[in-house]
């Protein structure tokens, strides 16, 4: 078991170091939260695509969001948090959670929010260290902190998505074999 841990640690840290060297050589410093963001972005996108249209109205209990509203909430938060990280106002004035109801409209909005965030995560380490203010609450943090918060928020709600999918008898993307649905 210890040997497996050592091998995995070498793979993870070695790959990370190589990626940092390659990225720095290309002129863009890697953001630690980008790896998490890319992973959760894929999980959420795949889950949204895999959930049947009829189950977008599903809520495990009346006190929680429906699956569709959860997807809309993630899109809204992506815009807000990535705007903070870019030092600009969100380009989306729409309340996606409240205004979009169909699977296709929610997937479109989710994809657009991730495309917007991709630009925020493409910042250099120097840019990510710049201060940025939340335009909604006035809270201050670095741009990188807003990016880390966004990735954490997305993972928090991916955890909700996993529960929704399991309750519907589905296997969430993070538990599927590579390259396919289960």
N, C-alpha and C. Protein backbone atom coordinates (compact mmCIF):
# COMPACT_ATOMS: atom_id res chain seq x y z
N UNK A 1 0.82 -1.19 0.00
CA UNK A 1 0.00 0.00 0.00
C UNK A 1 0.86 1.26 0.00
N UNK A 2 1.92 1.26 0.83
CA UNK A 2 2.80 2.42 0.88
C UNK A 2 3.49 2.62 -0.46
N UNK A 3 3.85 1.53 -1.09
CA UNK A 3 4.53 1.61 -2.38
C UNK A 3 3.61 2.25 -3.42
N UNK A 4 2.33 1.86 -3.40
CA UNK A 4 1.35 2.43 -4.33
C UNK A 4 1.21 3.93 -4.09
N UNK A 5 1.16 4.32 -2.82
CA UNK A 5 1.04 5.74 -2.49
C UNK A 5 2.24 6.52 -3.01
N UNK A 6 3.43 5.99 -2.83
CA UNK A 6 4.65 6.66 -3.28
C UNK A 6 4.63 6.80 -4.81
N UNK A 7 4.24 5.75 -5.52
CA UNK A 7 4.18 5.80 -6.98
C UNK A 7 3.16 6.85 -7.43
N UNK A 8 1.97 6.84 -6.80
CA UNK A 8 0.96 7.83 -7.17
C UNK A 8 1.43 9.25 -6.87
N UNK A 9 2.07 9.45 -5.73
CA UNK A 9 2.56 10.77 -5.37
C UNK A 9 3.60 11.26 -6.37
N UNK A 10 4.51 10.38 -6.77
CA UNK A 10 5.51 10.76 -7.76
C UNK A 10 4.86 11.13 -9.09
N UNK A 11 3.85 10.36 -9.49
CA UNK A 11 3.15 10.65 -10.74
C UNK A 11 2.45 12.00 -10.68
N UNK A 12 1.73 12.25 -9.60
CA UNK A 12 0.99 13.49 -9.47
C UNK A 12 1.92 14.67 -9.39
N UNK A 13 2.90 14.62 -8.47
CA UNK A 13 3.78 15.76 -8.29
C UNK A 13 4.73 15.93 -9.47
N UNK A 14 5.18 14.84 -10.05
CA UNK A 14 6.06 14.92 -11.22
C UNK A 14 5.34 15.51 -12.42
N UNK A 15 4.10 15.07 -12.64
CA UNK A 15 3.31 15.60 -13.75
C UNK A 15 3.01 17.07 -13.53
N UNK A 16 2.70 17.44 -12.29
CA UNK A 16 2.43 18.84 -11.96
C UNK A 16 3.65 19.71 -12.22
N UNK A 17 4.81 19.25 -11.81
CA UNK A 17 6.03 20.02 -12.02
C UNK A 17 6.33 20.19 -13.51
N UNK A 18 6.16 19.13 -14.28
CA UNK A 18 6.37 19.23 -15.73
C UNK A 18 5.38 20.18 -16.37
N UNK A 19 4.14 20.12 -15.93
CA UNK A 19 3.12 21.01 -16.49
C UNK A 19 3.44 22.46 -16.16
N UNK A 20 3.93 22.72 -14.94
CA UNK A 20 4.30 24.07 -14.57
C UNK A 20 5.47 24.58 -15.42
N UNK A 21 6.46 23.72 -15.64
CA UNK A 21 7.60 24.13 -16.46
C UNK A 21 7.15 24.42 -17.88
N UNK A 22 6.33 23.55 -18.45
CA UNK A 22 5.86 23.75 -19.82
C UNK A 22 5.01 24.99 -19.93
N UNK A 23 4.13 25.21 -18.96
CA UNK A 23 3.27 26.38 -18.98
C UNK A 23 4.07 27.66 -18.82
N UNK A 24 5.02 27.66 -17.90
CA UNK A 24 5.84 28.84 -17.69
C UNK A 24 6.68 29.14 -18.93
N UNK A 25 7.17 28.09 -19.58
CA UNK A 25 7.95 28.29 -20.80
C UNK A 25 7.09 28.90 -21.89
N UNK A 26 5.79 28.61 -21.87
CA UNK A 26 4.89 29.14 -22.89
C UNK A 26 4.44 30.56 -22.54
N UNK A 27 4.82 31.07 -21.35
CA UNK A 27 4.48 32.44 -20.99
C UNK A 27 3.27 32.57 -20.09
N UNK A 28 2.57 31.49 -19.81
CA UNK A 28 1.40 31.56 -18.94
C UNK A 28 1.66 30.71 -17.71
N UNK A 29 1.68 31.35 -16.57
CA UNK A 29 1.90 30.60 -15.33
C UNK A 29 0.63 29.83 -14.98
N UNK A 30 0.75 28.59 -14.53
CA UNK A 30 -0.44 27.80 -14.22
C UNK A 30 -1.07 28.24 -12.91
N UNK A 31 -2.37 28.18 -12.85
CA UNK A 31 -3.08 28.44 -11.60
C UNK A 31 -3.43 27.10 -10.98
N UNK A 32 -3.14 26.94 -9.71
CA UNK A 32 -3.40 25.67 -9.03
C UNK A 32 -4.87 25.30 -9.11
N UNK A 33 -5.77 26.27 -9.02
CA UNK A 33 -7.19 25.96 -9.05
C UNK A 33 -7.70 25.59 -10.44
N UNK A 34 -6.92 25.85 -11.49
CA UNK A 34 -7.36 25.53 -12.84
C UNK A 34 -7.54 24.03 -13.04
N UNK A 35 -6.66 23.24 -12.46
CA UNK A 35 -6.78 21.79 -12.58
C UNK A 35 -8.10 21.32 -11.97
N UNK A 36 -8.43 21.83 -10.80
CA UNK A 36 -9.71 21.48 -10.16
C UNK A 36 -10.87 21.97 -10.99
N UNK A 37 -10.77 23.19 -11.47
CA UNK A 37 -11.84 23.77 -12.30
C UNK A 37 -12.07 22.93 -13.55
N UNK A 38 -11.01 22.58 -14.26
CA UNK A 38 -11.17 21.78 -15.48
C UNK A 38 -11.85 20.44 -15.19
N UNK A 39 -11.48 19.81 -14.08
CA UNK A 39 -12.06 18.53 -13.71
C UNK A 39 -13.55 18.67 -13.41
N UNK A 40 -13.91 19.61 -12.56
CA UNK A 40 -15.31 19.76 -12.17
C UNK A 40 -16.16 20.29 -13.32
N UNK A 41 -15.58 21.12 -14.17
CA UNK A 41 -16.30 21.60 -15.35
C UNK A 41 -16.72 20.42 -16.22
N UNK A 42 -15.83 19.48 -16.41
CA UNK A 42 -16.16 18.29 -17.20
C UNK A 42 -17.23 17.44 -16.54
N UNK A 43 -17.12 17.25 -15.22
CA UNK A 43 -18.11 16.46 -14.50
C UNK A 43 -19.50 17.09 -14.59
N UNK A 44 -19.57 18.38 -14.33
CA UNK A 44 -20.87 19.05 -14.32
C UNK A 44 -21.48 19.06 -15.73
N UNK A 45 -20.67 19.35 -16.72
CA UNK A 45 -21.16 19.38 -18.10
C UNK A 45 -21.70 18.02 -18.51
N UNK A 46 -20.94 16.96 -18.22
CA UNK A 46 -21.40 15.61 -18.58
C UNK A 46 -22.66 15.23 -17.82
N UNK A 47 -22.73 15.58 -16.55
CA UNK A 47 -23.93 15.27 -15.76
C UNK A 47 -25.15 15.98 -16.33
N UNK A 48 -24.98 17.25 -16.68
CA UNK A 48 -26.10 18.02 -17.25
C UNK A 48 -26.57 17.40 -18.56
N UNK A 49 -25.64 16.93 -19.36
CA UNK A 49 -26.00 16.29 -20.62
C UNK A 49 -26.66 14.93 -20.41
N UNK A 50 -26.22 14.19 -19.40
CA UNK A 50 -26.72 12.83 -19.19
C UNK A 50 -28.07 12.78 -18.49
N UNK A 51 -28.39 13.78 -17.67
CA UNK A 51 -29.67 13.78 -16.97
C UNK A 51 -30.80 13.95 -17.99
N UNK A 52 -31.79 13.06 -17.97
CA UNK A 52 -32.91 13.19 -18.91
C UNK A 52 -33.68 14.50 -18.69
N UNK A 53 -34.24 15.03 -19.74
CA UNK A 53 -35.01 16.28 -19.69
C UNK A 53 -36.08 16.24 -18.59
N UNK A 54 -36.79 15.15 -18.48
CA UNK A 54 -37.87 15.05 -17.48
C UNK A 54 -37.35 15.18 -16.06
N UNK A 55 -36.10 14.78 -15.83
CA UNK A 55 -35.54 14.83 -14.48
C UNK A 55 -34.92 16.18 -14.13
N UNK A 56 -34.97 17.13 -15.03
CA UNK A 56 -34.54 18.48 -14.70
C UNK A 56 -35.49 19.13 -13.69
N UNK A 57 -36.70 18.60 -13.57
CA UNK A 57 -37.67 19.10 -12.58
C UNK A 57 -37.59 18.33 -11.26
N UNK A 58 -36.69 17.37 -11.16
CA UNK A 58 -36.57 16.54 -9.96
C UNK A 58 -35.85 17.27 -8.83
N UNK A 59 -36.45 17.18 -7.64
CA UNK A 59 -35.82 17.67 -6.40
C UNK A 59 -35.99 16.56 -5.37
N UNK A 60 -34.90 16.16 -4.71
CA UNK A 60 -35.00 15.08 -3.72
C UNK A 60 -35.99 15.38 -2.59
N UNK A 61 -36.08 16.64 -2.19
CA UNK A 61 -37.06 17.07 -1.19
C UNK A 61 -37.57 18.44 -1.63
N UNK A 62 -38.72 18.86 -1.13
CA UNK A 62 -39.24 20.18 -1.54
C UNK A 62 -38.36 21.36 -1.12
N UNK A 63 -37.50 21.16 -0.14
CA UNK A 63 -36.68 22.26 0.38
C UNK A 63 -35.43 22.55 -0.45
N UNK A 64 -35.12 21.72 -1.42
CA UNK A 64 -33.90 21.93 -2.21
C UNK A 64 -34.23 22.25 -3.66
N UNK A 65 -33.25 22.75 -4.37
CA UNK A 65 -33.43 23.10 -5.78
C UNK A 65 -33.73 21.86 -6.62
N UNK A 66 -34.42 22.08 -7.72
CA UNK A 66 -34.55 21.01 -8.72
C UNK A 66 -33.19 20.86 -9.39
N UNK A 67 -33.01 19.76 -10.11
CA UNK A 67 -31.76 19.56 -10.84
C UNK A 67 -31.53 20.73 -11.80
N UNK A 68 -32.56 21.13 -12.53
CA UNK A 68 -32.43 22.23 -13.49
C UNK A 68 -32.05 23.53 -12.82
N UNK A 69 -32.67 23.83 -11.69
CA UNK A 69 -32.33 25.07 -10.98
C UNK A 69 -30.90 25.00 -10.44
N UNK A 70 -30.45 23.82 -10.07
CA UNK A 70 -29.07 23.66 -9.60
C UNK A 70 -28.09 23.98 -10.73
N UNK A 71 -28.38 23.50 -11.93
CA UNK A 71 -27.54 23.81 -13.09
C UNK A 71 -27.54 25.32 -13.35
N UNK A 72 -28.72 25.94 -13.26
CA UNK A 72 -28.82 27.39 -13.44
C UNK A 72 -28.05 28.15 -12.37
N UNK A 73 -28.11 27.67 -11.13
CA UNK A 73 -27.38 28.30 -10.04
C UNK A 73 -25.88 28.25 -10.29
N UNK A 74 -25.39 27.12 -10.75
CA UNK A 74 -23.96 26.99 -11.05
C UNK A 74 -23.56 27.98 -12.13
N UNK A 75 -24.37 28.10 -13.17
CA UNK A 75 -24.07 29.04 -14.25
C UNK A 75 -24.04 30.48 -13.72
N UNK A 76 -25.05 30.85 -12.91
CA UNK A 76 -25.06 32.21 -12.32
C UNK A 76 -23.79 32.46 -11.51
N UNK A 77 -23.43 31.51 -10.66
CA UNK A 77 -22.26 31.68 -9.80
C UNK A 77 -20.98 31.74 -10.61
N UNK A 78 -20.88 30.92 -11.67
CA UNK A 78 -19.69 30.98 -12.53
C UNK A 78 -19.50 32.40 -13.06
N UNK A 79 -20.57 32.99 -13.58
CA UNK A 79 -20.46 34.35 -14.10
C UNK A 79 -20.02 35.32 -13.01
N UNK A 80 -20.66 35.25 -11.85
CA UNK A 80 -20.36 36.20 -10.79
C UNK A 80 -18.94 36.05 -10.27
N UNK A 81 -18.53 34.83 -9.97
CA UNK A 81 -17.20 34.62 -9.38
C UNK A 81 -16.08 34.85 -10.38
N UNK A 82 -16.29 34.43 -11.62
CA UNK A 82 -15.24 34.64 -12.63
C UNK A 82 -15.14 36.11 -13.02
N UNK A 83 -16.26 36.84 -12.95
CA UNK A 83 -16.19 38.29 -13.17
C UNK A 83 -15.33 38.93 -12.09
N UNK A 84 -15.51 38.50 -10.83
CA UNK A 84 -14.66 39.00 -9.75
C UNK A 84 -13.19 38.73 -10.08
N UNK A 85 -12.92 37.52 -10.55
CA UNK A 85 -11.55 37.12 -10.85
C UNK A 85 -10.95 37.88 -12.03
N UNK A 86 -11.80 38.41 -12.87
CA UNK A 86 -11.32 39.20 -14.00
C UNK A 86 -11.32 40.70 -13.70
N UNK A 87 -11.87 41.06 -12.54
CA UNK A 87 -11.94 42.47 -12.18
C UNK A 87 -12.94 43.24 -13.02
N UNK A 88 -14.01 42.57 -13.40
CA UNK A 88 -15.03 43.23 -14.23
C UNK A 88 -16.43 42.82 -13.77
N UNK A 89 -17.41 43.51 -14.27
CA UNK A 89 -18.80 43.14 -13.97
C UNK A 89 -19.19 41.94 -14.83
N UNK A 90 -20.08 41.13 -14.29
CA UNK A 90 -20.54 39.95 -15.02
C UNK A 90 -21.20 40.36 -16.33
N UNK A 91 -20.90 39.65 -17.41
CA UNK A 91 -21.56 39.96 -18.68
C UNK A 91 -23.00 39.42 -18.75
N UNK A 92 -23.42 38.67 -17.73
CA UNK A 92 -24.76 38.09 -17.74
C UNK A 92 -25.64 38.81 -16.73
N UNK A 93 -26.68 39.45 -17.22
CA UNK A 93 -27.65 40.10 -16.35
C UNK A 93 -28.82 39.16 -16.06
N UNK A 94 -28.85 38.03 -16.72
CA UNK A 94 -29.94 37.06 -16.60
C UNK A 94 -29.81 36.26 -15.30
N UNK A 95 -30.92 35.99 -14.65
CA UNK A 95 -30.96 35.05 -13.54
C UNK A 95 -31.29 33.68 -14.14
N UNK A 96 -30.25 32.96 -14.52
CA UNK A 96 -30.42 31.71 -15.25
C UNK A 96 -31.23 30.71 -14.45
N UNK A 97 -30.98 30.63 -13.16
CA UNK A 97 -31.70 29.69 -12.30
C UNK A 97 -33.21 29.92 -12.35
N UNK A 98 -33.61 31.18 -12.42
CA UNK A 98 -35.04 31.52 -12.41
C UNK A 98 -35.66 31.56 -13.80
N UNK A 99 -34.87 31.90 -14.81
CA UNK A 99 -35.44 32.19 -16.12
C UNK A 99 -35.35 31.06 -17.15
N UNK A 100 -34.41 30.16 -16.97
CA UNK A 100 -34.28 29.06 -17.94
C UNK A 100 -34.82 27.79 -17.32
N UNK A 101 -35.61 27.06 -18.10
CA UNK A 101 -36.24 25.86 -17.54
C UNK A 101 -36.00 24.59 -18.35
N UNK A 102 -35.67 24.72 -19.61
CA UNK A 102 -35.48 23.51 -20.42
C UNK A 102 -34.04 23.03 -20.33
N UNK A 103 -33.87 21.76 -20.55
CA UNK A 103 -32.53 21.17 -20.51
C UNK A 103 -31.61 21.87 -21.51
N UNK A 104 -32.07 22.05 -22.73
CA UNK A 104 -31.20 22.65 -23.75
C UNK A 104 -30.83 24.09 -23.39
N UNK A 105 -31.76 24.86 -22.87
CA UNK A 105 -31.46 26.25 -22.50
C UNK A 105 -30.49 26.30 -21.32
N UNK A 106 -30.65 25.40 -20.36
CA UNK A 106 -29.76 25.38 -19.21
C UNK A 106 -28.36 24.90 -19.59
N UNK A 107 -28.27 23.89 -20.45
CA UNK A 107 -26.95 23.43 -20.91
C UNK A 107 -26.25 24.52 -21.70
N UNK A 108 -26.99 25.25 -22.51
CA UNK A 108 -26.41 26.35 -23.27
C UNK A 108 -25.85 27.42 -22.32
N UNK A 109 -26.63 27.79 -21.32
CA UNK A 109 -26.19 28.81 -20.36
C UNK A 109 -25.00 28.32 -19.54
N UNK A 110 -25.04 27.06 -19.13
CA UNK A 110 -23.93 26.49 -18.38
C UNK A 110 -22.65 26.53 -19.21
N UNK A 111 -22.75 26.10 -20.45
CA UNK A 111 -21.58 26.12 -21.35
C UNK A 111 -21.03 27.52 -21.54
N UNK A 112 -21.92 28.49 -21.71
CA UNK A 112 -21.48 29.88 -21.88
C UNK A 112 -20.78 30.38 -20.62
N UNK A 113 -21.29 29.99 -19.45
CA UNK A 113 -20.66 30.43 -18.20
C UNK A 113 -19.26 29.81 -18.06
N UNK A 114 -19.11 28.56 -18.47
CA UNK A 114 -17.80 27.94 -18.42
C UNK A 114 -16.84 28.58 -19.43
N UNK A 115 -17.34 28.93 -20.59
CA UNK A 115 -16.51 29.61 -21.58
C UNK A 115 -16.01 30.94 -21.03
N UNK A 116 -16.88 31.66 -20.34
CA UNK A 116 -16.48 32.92 -19.71
C UNK A 116 -15.41 32.66 -18.65
N UNK A 117 -15.63 31.64 -17.83
CA UNK A 117 -14.66 31.31 -16.77
C UNK A 117 -13.32 30.85 -17.34
N UNK A 118 -13.34 30.20 -18.49
CA UNK A 118 -12.08 29.75 -19.10
C UNK A 118 -11.12 30.92 -19.25
N UNK A 119 -11.65 32.08 -19.61
CA UNK A 119 -10.81 33.28 -19.76
C UNK A 119 -10.22 33.68 -18.42
N UNK A 120 -11.01 33.57 -17.36
CA UNK A 120 -10.51 33.93 -16.03
C UNK A 120 -9.40 32.98 -15.58
N UNK A 121 -9.57 31.70 -15.87
CA UNK A 121 -8.56 30.72 -15.46
C UNK A 121 -7.32 30.74 -16.35
N UNK A 122 -7.36 31.49 -17.44
CA UNK A 122 -6.19 31.61 -18.32
C UNK A 122 -5.23 32.70 -17.84
N UNK A 123 -5.56 33.38 -16.75
CA UNK A 123 -4.69 34.44 -16.23
C UNK A 123 -3.36 33.87 -15.76
N UNK A 124 -2.37 34.72 -15.75
CA UNK A 124 -1.07 34.32 -15.21
C UNK A 124 -1.13 34.40 -13.69
N UNK A 125 -0.12 33.83 -13.05
CA UNK A 125 -0.03 33.91 -11.59
C UNK A 125 0.06 35.38 -11.13
N UNK A 126 0.75 36.19 -11.89
CA UNK A 126 0.87 37.62 -11.54
C UNK A 126 -0.51 38.28 -11.58
N UNK A 127 -1.28 38.02 -12.61
CA UNK A 127 -2.63 38.59 -12.70
C UNK A 127 -3.52 38.05 -11.57
N UNK A 128 -3.39 36.76 -11.28
CA UNK A 128 -4.21 36.15 -10.23
C UNK A 128 -3.89 36.70 -8.85
N UNK A 129 -2.71 37.28 -8.67
CA UNK A 129 -2.34 37.86 -7.38
C UNK A 129 -2.88 39.27 -7.19
N UNK A 130 -3.46 39.84 -8.24
CA UNK A 130 -4.00 41.20 -8.15
C UNK A 130 -5.26 41.22 -7.29
N UNK A 131 -5.48 42.31 -6.56
CA UNK A 131 -6.69 42.40 -5.76
C UNK A 131 -7.92 42.58 -6.65
N UNK A 132 -9.04 42.06 -6.17
CA UNK A 132 -10.30 42.19 -6.91
C UNK A 132 -11.44 42.24 -5.91
N UNK A 133 -12.42 43.04 -6.25
CA UNK A 133 -13.55 43.23 -5.36
C UNK A 133 -14.79 42.56 -5.94
N UNK A 134 -15.59 41.97 -5.06
CA UNK A 134 -16.87 41.40 -5.46
C UNK A 134 -17.81 42.58 -5.69
N UNK A 135 -18.31 42.72 -6.91
CA UNK A 135 -19.17 43.85 -7.26
C UNK A 135 -20.52 43.78 -6.56
N UNK A 136 -20.91 42.59 -6.12
CA UNK A 136 -22.21 42.42 -5.47
C UNK A 136 -22.13 42.69 -3.98
N UNK A 137 -21.13 42.14 -3.30
CA UNK A 137 -21.04 42.25 -1.84
C UNK A 137 -20.01 43.25 -1.36
N UNK A 138 -19.08 43.61 -2.22
CA UNK A 138 -18.01 44.51 -1.81
C UNK A 138 -16.82 43.82 -1.18
N UNK A 139 -16.90 42.50 -1.00
CA UNK A 139 -15.79 41.75 -0.40
C UNK A 139 -14.55 41.83 -1.30
N UNK A 140 -13.39 41.89 -0.67
CA UNK A 140 -12.13 41.97 -1.42
C UNK A 140 -11.32 40.69 -1.22
N UNK A 141 -10.65 40.29 -2.27
CA UNK A 141 -9.75 39.13 -2.26
C UNK A 141 -8.88 39.25 -3.50
N UNK A 142 -7.95 38.33 -3.67
CA UNK A 142 -7.18 38.33 -4.91
C UNK A 142 -8.02 37.66 -5.99
N UNK A 143 -7.66 37.90 -7.23
CA UNK A 143 -8.34 37.23 -8.33
C UNK A 143 -8.23 35.72 -8.21
N UNK A 144 -7.06 35.25 -7.81
CA UNK A 144 -6.86 33.81 -7.63
C UNK A 144 -7.74 33.23 -6.54
N UNK A 145 -7.99 34.00 -5.50
CA UNK A 145 -8.89 33.53 -4.44
C UNK A 145 -10.29 33.34 -4.99
N UNK A 146 -10.75 34.28 -5.82
CA UNK A 146 -12.07 34.13 -6.44
C UNK A 146 -12.11 32.89 -7.33
N UNK A 147 -11.02 32.61 -8.02
CA UNK A 147 -10.98 31.41 -8.87
C UNK A 147 -11.02 30.14 -8.03
N UNK A 148 -10.27 30.12 -6.94
CA UNK A 148 -10.29 28.96 -6.05
C UNK A 148 -11.68 28.78 -5.45
N UNK A 149 -12.32 29.88 -5.08
CA UNK A 149 -13.67 29.81 -4.53
C UNK A 149 -14.65 29.29 -5.57
N UNK A 150 -14.49 29.72 -6.82
CA UNK A 150 -15.38 29.23 -7.88
C UNK A 150 -15.24 27.72 -8.06
N UNK A 151 -14.01 27.23 -8.12
CA UNK A 151 -13.80 25.78 -8.28
C UNK A 151 -14.39 25.02 -7.10
N UNK A 152 -14.20 25.54 -5.89
CA UNK A 152 -14.75 24.89 -4.70
C UNK A 152 -16.28 24.90 -4.74
N UNK A 153 -16.86 26.01 -5.15
CA UNK A 153 -18.32 26.12 -5.26
C UNK A 153 -18.85 25.12 -6.27
N UNK A 154 -18.18 25.01 -7.41
CA UNK A 154 -18.62 24.05 -8.43
C UNK A 154 -18.54 22.62 -7.89
N UNK A 155 -17.47 22.31 -7.17
CA UNK A 155 -17.37 20.96 -6.59
C UNK A 155 -18.43 20.72 -5.53
N UNK A 156 -18.74 21.74 -4.74
CA UNK A 156 -19.79 21.61 -3.73
C UNK A 156 -21.11 21.20 -4.40
N UNK A 157 -21.44 21.87 -5.47
CA UNK A 157 -22.70 21.56 -6.14
C UNK A 157 -22.61 20.31 -7.02
N UNK A 158 -21.41 19.96 -7.45
CA UNK A 158 -21.29 18.66 -8.12
C UNK A 158 -21.64 17.55 -7.13
N UNK A 159 -21.29 17.73 -5.86
CA UNK A 159 -21.69 16.77 -4.83
C UNK A 159 -23.20 16.61 -4.76
N UNK A 160 -23.91 17.74 -4.90
CA UNK A 160 -25.38 17.66 -4.96
C UNK A 160 -25.82 16.88 -6.19
N UNK A 161 -25.19 17.17 -7.31
CA UNK A 161 -25.54 16.51 -8.57
C UNK A 161 -25.36 15.00 -8.44
N UNK A 162 -24.28 14.57 -7.80
CA UNK A 162 -24.04 13.14 -7.59
C UNK A 162 -25.23 12.51 -6.86
N UNK A 163 -25.71 13.17 -5.82
CA UNK A 163 -26.85 12.65 -5.07
C UNK A 163 -28.09 12.56 -5.95
N UNK A 164 -28.36 13.61 -6.72
CA UNK A 164 -29.53 13.60 -7.60
C UNK A 164 -29.44 12.44 -8.59
N UNK A 165 -28.25 12.27 -9.17
CA UNK A 165 -28.08 11.21 -10.17
C UNK A 165 -28.23 9.83 -9.52
N UNK A 166 -27.65 9.63 -8.36
CA UNK A 166 -27.76 8.33 -7.67
C UNK A 166 -29.21 8.03 -7.31
N UNK A 167 -29.95 9.05 -6.87
CA UNK A 167 -31.36 8.84 -6.56
C UNK A 167 -32.18 8.46 -7.79
N UNK A 168 -31.70 8.85 -8.95
CA UNK A 168 -32.36 8.50 -10.22
C UNK A 168 -31.78 7.22 -10.83
N UNK A 169 -30.92 6.54 -10.08
CA UNK A 169 -30.35 5.28 -10.57
C UNK A 169 -29.25 5.46 -11.60
N UNK A 170 -28.68 6.63 -11.65
CA UNK A 170 -27.63 6.93 -12.63
C UNK A 170 -26.25 6.90 -11.97
N UNK A 171 -25.24 6.67 -12.77
CA UNK A 171 -23.86 6.72 -12.30
C UNK A 171 -23.29 8.08 -12.67
N UNK A 172 -22.84 8.86 -11.68
CA UNK A 172 -22.31 10.19 -11.99
C UNK A 172 -21.00 10.10 -12.77
N UNK A 173 -20.68 11.14 -13.54
CA UNK A 173 -19.48 11.12 -14.38
C UNK A 173 -18.19 10.76 -13.64
N UNK A 174 -18.03 11.21 -12.41
CA UNK A 174 -16.80 10.93 -11.68
C UNK A 174 -16.66 9.46 -11.29
N UNK A 175 -17.74 8.69 -11.39
CA UNK A 175 -17.70 7.26 -11.08
C UNK A 175 -17.77 6.39 -12.32
N UNK A 176 -17.87 7.02 -13.48
CA UNK A 176 -17.95 6.27 -14.74
C UNK A 176 -16.56 5.89 -15.21
N UNK A 177 -16.46 4.79 -15.95
CA UNK A 177 -15.15 4.44 -16.50
C UNK A 177 -14.74 5.51 -17.52
N UNK A 178 -13.45 5.70 -17.68
CA UNK A 178 -12.98 6.72 -18.65
C UNK A 178 -13.56 6.47 -20.05
N UNK A 179 -14.06 7.56 -20.63
CA UNK A 179 -14.54 7.49 -22.00
C UNK A 179 -15.94 6.94 -22.19
N UNK A 180 -16.71 6.76 -21.13
CA UNK A 180 -18.05 6.25 -21.38
C UNK A 180 -18.99 6.35 -20.22
N UNK A 181 -20.26 6.25 -20.55
CA UNK A 181 -21.31 6.26 -19.55
C UNK A 181 -21.48 4.86 -18.99
N UNK A 182 -22.04 4.79 -17.83
CA UNK A 182 -22.31 3.50 -17.24
C UNK A 182 -23.77 3.38 -16.95
